[in-house]
Amino acid sequence: MDRAALDLATIHFPDLEPEPFLDRLNDLASSLGDRLRNFNDGRDFVEKASSYLFGELGFHGNETDFFDPLNSCLNQVLERRTGIPITLAVMYMEIARRLHMPVFGIGLPRHFVLEFNDGNFATYIDPFHGGRSITAQECFALAGAKVADPILLQRVTPKQIAMRMLQNLQGVYLRAGDHKKAISTLDLLLIGAPEMGSWYKRRGILSLELKRYHAARKDLVKYLELEPEATDREAIRKQLQAIHLSLAQVS
């Protein structure tokens, strides 16, 4: 997951070299490992990880500028020691993986937490709020769930984590009006989920804003193919006609 997260960061940092940040994760894992009394003591790991990463080193959630795109870039999280729940969680998971500790991602709505479970000791961890241990009920509260639904606590796959990180980045770039980078996130999202018609439409509209008429036409046609009953079908057809006229004038 570390390399994938750093690959995603190249959307913002095209010349990013991953090796220094992989080395940084190795160093963090080594330093944390030196602090453990017993690698079979899960409670000790969780407590030491919290005190070292979030206490001694000061990693924390960026509550003052949550939508800064740097919060979604693992290289910047490692450098600035601040981020959003999912990138702090990826950092934690990758350090844990290097120490052979069973830590899993939990993709709650509105939040992202971790689960430690070695069969003897189990807890949930909130990396955005100091790496504190939390209960299942606190997880439901973070998710804004009115009912304690265990399905919310399902572990997520590396692909699901990457897709969620991309959607976060897309939202940040759309908010900032950076259409080129938003399109880059959609390029990758559609590799992971090529059946998502709404993403083709969004990319098509963004391409249209950038006057990339051929790309816009291709995506909007694909959207109509995937969503034949779309309520905006007629509006998209009219948009395609306008694109056709624009292309005719250019040629």
Protein backbone atom coordinates (compact mmCIF):
# COMPACT_ATOMS: atom_id res chain seq x y z
CA MET A 1 0.00 0.00 0.00
CA ASP A 2 2.95 2.35 0.59
CA ARG A 3 4.05 2.37 -3.05
CA ALA A 4 0.48 2.75 -4.27
CA ALA A 5 -0.06 5.73 -1.98
CA LEU A 6 3.16 7.34 -3.20
CA ASP A 7 2.13 6.66 -6.80
CA LEU A 8 -1.10 8.58 -6.13
CA ALA A 9 0.95 11.45 -4.76
CA THR A 10 2.61 11.85 -8.17
CA ILE A 11 -0.61 13.51 -9.35
CA HIS A 12 0.46 16.47 -7.22
CA PHE A 13 4.21 15.81 -7.35
CA PRO A 14 5.01 14.45 -10.85
CA ASP A 15 8.74 14.10 -10.12
CA LEU A 16 8.28 12.33 -6.79
CA GLU A 17 10.84 9.62 -6.05
CA PRO A 18 9.35 7.04 -3.66
CA GLU A 19 12.55 5.55 -2.22
CA PRO A 20 13.33 8.25 0.38
CA PHE A 21 9.83 7.93 1.80
CA LEU A 22 9.93 4.13 1.81
CA ASP A 23 13.20 4.46 3.72
CA ARG A 24 11.49 6.86 6.12
CA LEU A 25 8.79 4.26 6.81
CA ASN A 26 11.51 1.66 7.38
CA ASP A 27 13.21 3.98 9.89
CA LEU A 28 9.96 4.68 11.73
CA ALA A 29 9.22 0.97 11.96
CA SER A 30 12.73 0.23 13.22
CA SER A 31 12.54 2.94 15.88
CA LEU A 32 9.13 1.77 17.02
CA GLY A 33 10.32 -1.84 17.11
CA ASP A 34 13.19 -0.81 19.42
CA ARG A 35 10.60 0.50 21.88
CA LEU A 36 8.58 -2.72 22.09
CA ARG A 37 9.01 -5.00 25.06
CA ASN A 38 7.56 -8.06 23.38
CA PHE A 39 6.49 -8.50 19.77
CA ASN A 40 3.76 -10.87 20.97
CA ASP A 41 2.17 -8.20 23.15
CA GLY A 42 -0.47 -6.46 21.05
CA ARG A 43 -1.50 -4.01 23.74
CA ASP A 44 2.13 -2.90 24.13
CA PHE A 45 2.43 -2.33 20.38
CA VAL A 46 -0.70 -0.16 20.23
CA GLU A 47 0.35 1.87 23.25
CA LYS A 48 3.92 2.32 22.05
CA ALA A 49 2.79 3.21 18.52
CA SER A 50 0.51 5.88 19.92
CA SER A 51 3.12 7.37 22.26
CA TYR A 52 5.93 7.29 19.68
CA LEU A 53 4.19 8.31 16.44
CA PHE A 54 1.57 10.70 17.77
CA GLY A 55 3.19 11.78 21.01
CA GLU A 56 6.95 11.88 20.58
CA LEU A 57 6.97 12.61 16.82
CA GLY A 58 3.80 14.66 16.80
CA PHE A 59 1.91 13.15 13.87
CA HIS A 60 -1.61 14.58 13.95
CA GLY A 61 -4.74 15.23 11.97
CA ASN A 62 -4.87 18.48 10.05
CA GLU A 63 -8.01 20.02 11.49
CA THR A 64 -7.19 23.59 10.43
CA ASP A 65 -6.87 22.90 6.69
CA PHE A 66 -8.52 19.53 6.10
CA PHE A 67 -8.90 20.05 2.33
CA ASP A 68 -5.27 20.87 1.63
CA PRO A 69 -4.26 18.39 -1.12
CA LEU A 70 -0.95 17.78 0.68
CA ASN A 71 -2.94 15.95 3.38
CA SER A 72 -3.68 13.25 0.79
CA CYS A 73 -0.04 12.80 -0.28
CA LEU A 74 1.83 10.24 1.81
CA ASN A 75 5.20 11.91 1.16
CA GLN A 76 3.88 15.15 2.63
CA VAL A 77 2.28 13.39 5.58
CA LEU A 78 5.70 11.94 6.41
CA GLU A 79 7.41 15.30 5.98
CA ARG A 80 4.88 17.58 7.66
CA ARG A 81 3.61 15.00 10.18
CA THR A 82 0.02 15.95 9.48
CA GLY A 83 -2.70 14.52 7.30
CA ILE A 84 -6.25 13.26 7.04
CA PRO A 85 -7.53 10.01 8.59
CA ILE A 86 -6.82 7.75 5.61
CA THR A 87 -3.25 8.88 4.92
CA LEU A 88 -2.32 8.74 8.60
CA ALA A 89 -3.89 5.28 8.65
CA VAL A 90 -1.84 4.15 5.64
CA MET A 91 1.33 5.35 7.36
CA TYR A 92 0.38 3.43 10.52
CA MET A 93 -0.55 0.29 8.59
CA GLU A 94 2.72 0.30 6.68
CA ILE A 95 4.78 0.71 9.84
CA ALA A 96 2.77 -2.11 11.43
CA ARG A 97 3.26 -4.32 8.37
CA ARG A 98 7.01 -3.93 8.60
CA LEU A 99 6.81 -5.14 12.21
CA HIS A 100 4.46 -8.02 11.28
CA MET A 101 1.66 -6.54 13.35
CA PRO A 102 -1.98 -7.28 12.35
CA VAL A 103 -3.45 -3.86 11.61
CA PHE A 104 -6.36 -3.43 9.19
CA GLY A 105 -8.11 -0.47 7.60
CA ILE A 106 -11.75 0.24 8.46
CA GLY A 107 -13.43 2.56 5.98
CA LEU A 108 -16.16 4.19 8.02
CA PRO A 109 -18.44 6.75 6.38
CA ARG A 110 -17.00 10.21 7.10
CA HIS A 111 -13.92 8.79 8.81
CA PHE A 112 -11.20 6.15 8.52
CA VAL A 113 -9.92 4.13 11.44
CA LEU A 114 -7.80 1.05 12.08
CA GLU A 115 -8.31 -2.29 13.74
CA PHE A 116 -5.61 -4.16 15.64
CA ASN A 117 -6.46 -7.80 16.20
CA ASP A 118 -3.93 -10.54 16.90
CA GLY A 119 -6.45 -13.01 18.32
CA ASN A 120 -5.53 -12.14 21.90
CA PHE A 121 -5.87 -8.38 21.98
CA ALA A 122 -8.15 -6.31 19.78
CA THR A 123 -8.99 -2.62 19.57
CA TYR A 124 -9.86 0.10 17.10
CA ILE A 125 -7.48 3.02 16.60
CA ASP A 126 -8.21 6.58 15.51
CA PRO A 127 -5.07 7.90 13.74
CA PHE A 128 -6.59 11.34 13.16
CA HIS A 129 -7.00 11.98 16.87
CA GLY A 130 -3.65 10.99 18.32
CA GLY A 131 -3.72 7.27 17.56
CA ARG A 132 -6.02 6.71 20.52
CA SER A 133 -7.72 3.37 21.12
CA ILE A 134 -11.48 3.53 20.63
CA THR A 135 -14.42 1.17 20.99
CA ALA A 136 -16.79 -0.09 18.33
CA GLN A 137 -19.42 2.28 19.70
CA GLU A 138 -17.05 5.20 19.26
CA CYS A 139 -16.47 4.06 15.67
CA PHE A 140 -20.22 4.20 15.03
CA ALA A 141 -20.31 7.69 16.52
CA LEU A 142 -17.47 8.85 14.26
CA ALA A 143 -19.40 7.45 11.29
CA GLY A 144 -22.50 9.36 12.32
CA ALA A 145 -24.41 6.07 12.44
CA LYS A 146 -27.73 6.09 14.27
CA VAL A 147 -27.70 2.29 14.47
CA ALA A 148 -24.73 0.14 15.53
CA ASP A 149 -24.37 -1.76 12.25
CA PRO A 150 -21.41 -4.21 12.33
CA ILE A 151 -21.11 -4.00 8.53
CA LEU A 152 -19.58 -0.54 9.02
CA LEU A 153 -16.62 -2.20 10.71
CA GLN A 154 -15.69 -4.38 7.75
CA ARG A 155 -12.02 -4.38 6.82
CA VAL A 156 -11.17 -2.77 3.49
CA THR A 157 -8.79 -3.97 0.79
CA PRO A 158 -5.76 -2.08 -0.52
CA LYS A 159 -7.72 -1.35 -3.71
CA GLN A 160 -10.60 0.11 -1.72
CA ILE A 161 -8.16 2.29 0.22
CA ALA A 162 -6.54 3.54 -3.00
CA MET A 163 -9.94 4.30 -4.54
CA ARG A 164 -11.02 6.22 -1.46
CA MET A 165 -7.78 8.22 -1.48
CA LEU A 166 -8.37 9.09 -5.13
CA GLN A 167 -11.92 10.18 -4.42
CA ASN A 168 -10.64 12.39 -1.61
CA LEU A 169 -8.10 13.96 -3.95
CA GLN A 170 -10.72 14.43 -6.65
CA GLY A 171 -12.94 16.29 -4.21
CA VAL A 172 -10.06 18.51 -3.13
CA TYR A 173 -9.14 19.39 -6.71
CA LEU A 174 -12.75 20.04 -7.70
CA ARG A 175 -13.11 22.33 -4.70
CA ALA A 176 -9.97 24.20 -5.80
CA GLY A 177 -11.08 24.37 -9.44
CA ASP A 178 -8.02 22.39 -10.58
CA HIS A 179 -9.69 20.51 -13.43
CA LYS A 180 -6.51 18.98 -14.84
CA LYS A 181 -5.61 17.24 -11.60
CA ALA A 182 -9.24 16.25 -11.02
CA ILE A 183 -9.20 14.56 -14.44
CA SER A 184 -5.99 12.73 -13.44
CA THR A 185 -7.77 11.28 -10.41
CA LEU A 186 -10.70 10.22 -12.59
CA ASP A 187 -8.33 8.53 -15.04
CA LEU A 188 -7.15 6.27 -12.23
CA LEU A 189 -10.58 5.82 -10.68
CA LEU A 190 -11.97 4.58 -13.99
CA ILE A 191 -9.16 2.05 -14.29
CA GLY A 192 -10.34 0.66 -10.96
CA ALA A 193 -14.07 0.93 -11.70
CA PRO A 194 -14.68 1.19 -15.47
CA GLU A 195 -18.41 0.59 -14.97
CA MET A 196 -18.99 3.90 -13.18
CA GLY A 197 -20.95 5.92 -15.71
CA SER A 198 -21.17 9.02 -13.50
CA TRP A 199 -17.38 9.28 -13.45
CA TYR A 200 -17.25 9.29 -17.26
CA LYS A 201 -19.78 12.11 -17.25
CA ARG A 202 -17.79 14.08 -14.69
CA ARG A 203 -14.56 13.63 -16.63
CA GLY A 204 -16.34 14.58 -19.82
CA ILE A 205 -17.69 17.80 -18.32
CA LEU A 206 -14.27 18.69 -16.92
CA SER A 207 -12.66 18.01 -20.31
CA LEU A 208 -15.24 20.26 -21.88
CA GLU A 209 -14.27 23.04 -19.44
CA LEU A 210 -10.69 22.63 -20.67
CA LYS A 211 -11.84 22.63 -24.32
CA ARG A 212 -10.71 19.04 -24.78
CA TYR A 213 -13.61 18.36 -27.09
CA HIS A 214 -12.60 14.94 -28.40
CA ALA A 215 -12.05 13.59 -24.88
CA ALA A 216 -15.31 15.16 -23.68
CA ARG A 217 -17.31 13.62 -26.51
CA LYS A 218 -15.84 10.18 -25.93
CA ASP A 219 -16.64 10.25 -22.21
CA LEU A 220 -20.17 11.59 -22.59
CA VAL A 221 -20.97 8.95 -25.22
CA LYS A 222 -19.63 6.30 -22.82
CA TYR A 223 -21.80 7.73 -20.05
CA LEU A 224 -24.94 7.35 -22.17
CA GLU A 225 -23.94 3.79 -23.06
CA LEU A 226 -23.55 2.86 -19.38
CA GLU A 227 -26.59 4.86 -18.19
CA PRO A 228 -29.23 4.43 -20.91
CA GLU A 229 -32.00 5.50 -18.53
CA ALA A 230 -30.16 8.56 -17.19
CA THR A 231 -32.53 11.39 -16.30
CA ASP A 232 -30.20 13.91 -17.95
CA ARG A 233 -29.91 11.88 -21.14
CA GLU A 234 -31.50 14.58 -23.30
CA ALA A 235 -29.31 17.31 -21.85
CA ILE A 236 -26.20 15.22 -22.54
CA ARG A 237 -27.38 14.61 -26.12
CA LYS A 238 -27.67 18.36 -26.63
CA GLN A 239 -24.22 18.81 -25.14
CA LEU A 240 -22.84 16.26 -27.60
CA GLN A 241 -24.44 18.14 -30.48
CA ALA A 242 -22.77 21.34 -29.29
CA ILE A 243 -19.42 19.54 -29.08
CA HIS A 244 -19.91 18.22 -32.62
CA LEU A 245 -20.49 21.78 -33.88
CA SER A 246 -17.40 23.02 -32.04
CA LEU A 247 -15.25 20.30 -33.57
CA ALA A 248 -16.66 21.02 -37.03
CA GLN A 249 -15.71 24.69 -36.71
CA VAL A 250 -12.19 23.77 -35.60
CA SER A 251 -11.68 21.43 -38.53
